[in-house]
Amino acid sequence: MLIRSVLSRPTQPGGERSLVVFTTPTTTLVTQQAGVIRGQTSARVKAFIGAEVDFWKVERFQQELADADVVVCTPQVWLNILNSG
């Protein structure tokens, strides 16, 4: 699995860690794919769905991303995250 391969790459001490962003076209697939990734890896997976994250502040996004190895969301949610700062 590509996600497992990316996350297994060694990082330098103090170096940046990998964050895998997996986008799907629908919220139903966000939930489904997040479950599959959780079942197939030991990665910390976060599923972001628009109705849940629309009103998060930048600090909340930063904390959620810091606590994740893999983020599963729709392309629009990811665009909103990028635009939030």
N, C-alpha and C. Protein backbone atom coordinates (compact mmCIF):
# COMPACT_ATOMS: atom_id res chain seq x y z
N MET A 1 0.85 -1.17 0.00
CA MET A 1 0.00 0.00 0.00
C MET A 1 0.90 1.24 0.00
N LEU A 2 0.60 2.17 -0.87
CA LEU A 2 1.42 3.38 -1.03
C LEU A 2 1.48 4.20 0.26
N ILE A 3 0.38 4.32 0.95
CA ILE A 3 0.36 5.11 2.19
C ILE A 3 1.33 4.53 3.20
N ARG A 4 1.33 3.22 3.36
CA ARG A 4 2.25 2.57 4.30
C ARG A 4 3.69 2.83 3.90
N SER A 5 3.98 2.79 2.62
CA SER A 5 5.33 3.04 2.12
C SER A 5 5.78 4.47 2.42
N VAL A 6 4.92 5.44 2.16
CA VAL A 6 5.27 6.84 2.42
C VAL A 6 5.52 7.07 3.90
N LEU A 7 4.68 6.51 4.75
CA LEU A 7 4.81 6.73 6.19
C LEU A 7 6.00 5.99 6.79
N SER A 8 6.51 4.97 6.11
CA SER A 8 7.63 4.21 6.66
C SER A 8 8.99 4.84 6.33
N ARG A 9 9.00 5.87 5.51
CA ARG A 9 10.27 6.53 5.18
C ARG A 9 10.87 7.15 6.42
N PRO A 10 12.17 6.93 6.62
CA PRO A 10 12.81 7.52 7.80
C PRO A 10 12.92 9.04 7.66
N THR A 11 12.79 9.72 8.77
CA THR A 11 12.98 11.17 8.78
C THR A 11 14.19 11.50 9.62
N GLN A 12 14.81 12.60 9.30
CA GLN A 12 15.97 13.06 10.07
C GLN A 12 15.49 13.60 11.41
N PRO A 13 16.31 13.49 12.46
CA PRO A 13 15.93 14.08 13.74
C PRO A 13 15.63 15.57 13.55
N GLY A 14 14.50 16.00 14.03
CA GLY A 14 14.11 17.39 13.87
C GLY A 14 13.57 17.71 12.50
N GLY A 15 13.52 16.71 11.61
CA GLY A 15 13.04 16.93 10.25
C GLY A 15 11.52 16.90 10.19
N GLU A 16 11.01 17.27 9.05
CA GLU A 16 9.57 17.27 8.88
C GLU A 16 9.05 15.85 8.70
N ARG A 17 7.89 15.61 9.24
CA ARG A 17 7.27 14.30 9.10
C ARG A 17 6.37 14.28 7.88
N SER A 18 5.97 13.11 7.48
CA SER A 18 5.08 12.97 6.33
C SER A 18 3.62 13.10 6.76
N LEU A 19 2.85 13.74 5.93
CA LEU A 19 1.41 13.79 6.10
C LEU A 19 0.80 13.39 4.76
N VAL A 20 0.03 12.33 4.77
CA VAL A 20 -0.62 11.85 3.56
C VAL A 20 -2.03 12.44 3.52
N VAL A 21 -2.38 13.07 2.40
CA VAL A 21 -3.73 13.60 2.22
C VAL A 21 -4.40 12.76 1.13
N PHE A 22 -5.48 12.12 1.50
CA PHE A 22 -6.22 11.23 0.61
C PHE A 22 -7.58 11.89 0.37
N THR A 23 -7.84 12.32 -0.85
CA THR A 23 -9.12 12.97 -1.13
C THR A 23 -10.05 12.03 -1.88
N THR A 24 -11.33 12.13 -1.55
CA THR A 24 -12.37 11.36 -2.22
C THR A 24 -13.50 12.32 -2.60
N PRO A 25 -14.27 11.99 -3.62
CA PRO A 25 -15.28 12.94 -4.11
C PRO A 25 -16.51 13.10 -3.24
N THR A 26 -16.78 12.18 -2.33
CA THR A 26 -18.00 12.27 -1.52
C THR A 26 -17.70 12.03 -0.05
N THR A 27 -18.58 12.53 0.81
CA THR A 27 -18.39 12.33 2.25
C THR A 27 -18.57 10.86 2.64
N THR A 28 -19.42 10.15 1.92
CA THR A 28 -19.59 8.72 2.18
C THR A 28 -18.27 7.99 1.97
N LEU A 29 -17.57 8.33 0.89
CA LEU A 29 -16.28 7.69 0.62
C LEU A 29 -15.20 8.13 1.61
N VAL A 30 -15.31 9.35 2.15
CA VAL A 30 -14.36 9.78 3.18
C VAL A 30 -14.43 8.81 4.35
N THR A 31 -15.63 8.57 4.83
CA THR A 31 -15.82 7.66 5.97
C THR A 31 -15.35 6.24 5.63
N GLN A 32 -15.72 5.77 4.45
CA GLN A 32 -15.36 4.41 4.03
C GLN A 32 -13.85 4.25 3.91
N GLN A 33 -13.20 5.17 3.22
CA GLN A 33 -11.76 5.05 2.99
C GLN A 33 -10.96 5.24 4.27
N ALA A 34 -11.41 6.12 5.14
CA ALA A 34 -10.73 6.28 6.43
C ALA A 34 -10.76 4.97 7.21
N GLY A 35 -11.89 4.29 7.17
CA GLY A 35 -12.01 3.00 7.86
C GLY A 35 -11.09 1.94 7.27
N VAL A 36 -10.99 1.91 5.96
CA VAL A 36 -10.11 0.95 5.30
C VAL A 36 -8.65 1.23 5.66
N ILE A 37 -8.26 2.48 5.62
CA ILE A 37 -6.87 2.83 5.95
C ILE A 37 -6.56 2.50 7.40
N ARG A 38 -7.50 2.78 8.30
CA ARG A 38 -7.30 2.41 9.72
C ARG A 38 -7.13 0.90 9.87
N GLY A 39 -7.90 0.14 9.10
CA GLY A 39 -7.83 -1.31 9.20
C GLY A 39 -6.58 -1.92 8.60
N GLN A 40 -5.97 -1.23 7.65
CA GLN A 40 -4.81 -1.77 6.94
C GLN A 40 -3.47 -1.21 7.42
N THR A 41 -3.49 -0.16 8.23
CA THR A 41 -2.25 0.45 8.70
C THR A 41 -2.34 0.76 10.18
N SER A 42 -1.23 1.14 10.73
CA SER A 42 -1.23 1.60 12.13
C SER A 42 -1.18 3.12 12.19
N ALA A 43 -1.46 3.76 11.05
CA ALA A 43 -1.39 5.22 10.95
C ALA A 43 -2.51 5.87 11.77
N ARG A 44 -2.22 7.09 12.20
CA ARG A 44 -3.23 7.91 12.87
C ARG A 44 -4.03 8.60 11.76
N VAL A 45 -5.27 8.16 11.60
CA VAL A 45 -6.11 8.62 10.47
C VAL A 45 -7.18 9.57 10.98
N LYS A 46 -7.32 10.71 10.30
CA LYS A 46 -8.38 11.67 10.59
C LYS A 46 -9.27 11.78 9.36
N ALA A 47 -10.57 11.74 9.57
CA ALA A 47 -11.53 11.92 8.49
C ALA A 47 -12.21 13.27 8.69
N PHE A 48 -12.06 14.15 7.71
CA PHE A 48 -12.64 15.49 7.79
C PHE A 48 -13.82 15.58 6.83
N ILE A 49 -14.97 15.90 7.37
CA ILE A 49 -16.19 16.07 6.58
C ILE A 49 -16.66 17.51 6.76
N GLY A 50 -17.05 18.15 5.66
CA GLY A 50 -17.37 19.57 5.64
C GLY A 50 -18.24 20.06 6.78
N ALA A 51 -19.34 19.38 7.03
CA ALA A 51 -20.27 19.83 8.06
C ALA A 51 -19.61 19.86 9.44
N GLU A 52 -18.62 19.02 9.65
CA GLU A 52 -17.95 18.96 10.94
C GLU A 52 -16.84 19.99 11.08
N VAL A 53 -16.20 20.36 9.98
CA VAL A 53 -15.00 21.20 10.06
C VAL A 53 -15.19 22.61 9.50
N ASP A 54 -16.35 22.91 8.99
CA ASP A 54 -16.58 24.21 8.36
C ASP A 54 -16.29 25.40 9.26
N PHE A 55 -16.47 25.26 10.54
CA PHE A 55 -16.33 26.40 11.44
C PHE A 55 -15.12 26.30 12.36
N TRP A 56 -14.21 25.38 12.06
CA TRP A 56 -12.98 25.29 12.86
C TRP A 56 -12.10 26.50 12.62
N LYS A 57 -11.41 26.89 13.66
CA LYS A 57 -10.43 27.98 13.55
C LYS A 57 -9.09 27.37 13.14
N VAL A 58 -8.17 28.22 12.71
CA VAL A 58 -6.85 27.78 12.24
C VAL A 58 -6.16 26.91 13.28
N GLU A 59 -6.25 27.29 14.54
CA GLU A 59 -5.59 26.53 15.61
C GLU A 59 -6.11 25.11 15.70
N ARG A 60 -7.40 24.93 15.50
CA ARG A 60 -7.97 23.58 15.55
C ARG A 60 -7.46 22.74 14.38
N PHE A 61 -7.40 23.34 13.17
CA PHE A 61 -6.85 22.61 12.03
C PHE A 61 -5.40 22.22 12.29
N GLN A 62 -4.63 23.14 12.82
CA GLN A 62 -3.21 22.86 13.09
C GLN A 62 -3.07 21.69 14.07
N GLN A 63 -3.89 21.68 15.11
CA GLN A 63 -3.83 20.59 16.10
C GLN A 63 -4.25 19.26 15.48
N GLU A 64 -5.32 19.27 14.73
CA GLU A 64 -5.80 18.03 14.10
C GLU A 64 -4.77 17.48 13.12
N LEU A 65 -4.15 18.35 12.33
CA LEU A 65 -3.14 17.90 11.37
C LEU A 65 -1.89 17.39 12.08
N ALA A 66 -1.53 18.02 13.20
CA ALA A 66 -0.37 17.58 13.97
C ALA A 66 -0.59 16.19 14.57
N ASP A 67 -1.84 15.85 14.83
CA ASP A 67 -2.17 14.56 15.45
C ASP A 67 -2.46 13.47 14.43
N ALA A 68 -2.21 13.74 13.14
CA ALA A 68 -2.57 12.78 12.09
C ALA A 68 -1.37 12.39 11.25
N ASP A 69 -1.40 11.16 10.76
CA ASP A 69 -0.46 10.71 9.73
C ASP A 69 -1.15 10.75 8.37
N VAL A 70 -2.46 10.49 8.37
CA VAL A 70 -3.25 10.46 7.15
C VAL A 70 -4.52 11.28 7.37
N VAL A 71 -4.83 12.15 6.43
CA VAL A 71 -6.08 12.90 6.44
C VAL A 71 -6.89 12.46 5.23
N VAL A 72 -8.14 12.10 5.47
CA VAL A 72 -9.05 11.72 4.40
C VAL A 72 -10.16 12.77 4.37
N CYS A 73 -10.38 13.37 3.21
CA CYS A 73 -11.39 14.43 3.10
C CYS A 73 -11.77 14.60 1.63
N THR A 74 -12.78 15.45 1.40
CA THR A 74 -13.13 15.80 0.02
C THR A 74 -12.16 16.88 -0.45
N PRO A 75 -12.01 17.03 -1.75
CA PRO A 75 -11.13 18.10 -2.25
C PRO A 75 -11.54 19.48 -1.76
N GLN A 76 -12.82 19.74 -1.64
CA GLN A 76 -13.27 21.06 -1.18
C GLN A 76 -12.86 21.31 0.27
N VAL A 77 -12.97 20.30 1.11
CA VAL A 77 -12.54 20.46 2.51
C VAL A 77 -11.05 20.74 2.56
N TRP A 78 -10.25 20.03 1.77
CA TRP A 78 -8.80 20.27 1.76
C TRP A 78 -8.49 21.69 1.28
N LEU A 79 -9.19 22.15 0.27
CA LEU A 79 -9.01 23.52 -0.22
C LEU A 79 -9.35 24.53 0.88
N ASN A 80 -10.42 24.27 1.61
CA ASN A 80 -10.79 25.15 2.72
C ASN A 80 -9.71 25.17 3.80
N ILE A 81 -9.13 24.02 4.08
CA ILE A 81 -8.04 23.95 5.06
C ILE A 81 -6.86 24.78 4.59
N LEU A 82 -6.48 24.63 3.33
CA LEU A 82 -5.35 25.38 2.79
C LEU A 82 -5.62 26.88 2.81
N ASN A 83 -6.84 27.27 2.53
CA ASN A 83 -7.19 28.70 2.51
C ASN A 83 -7.33 29.29 3.90
N SER A 84 -7.49 28.45 4.91
CA SER A 84 -7.69 28.95 6.27
C SER A 84 -6.41 29.49 6.89
N GLY A 85 -5.28 29.18 6.28
CA GLY A 85 -4.03 29.72 6.79
C GLY A 85 -3.13 28.65 7.24
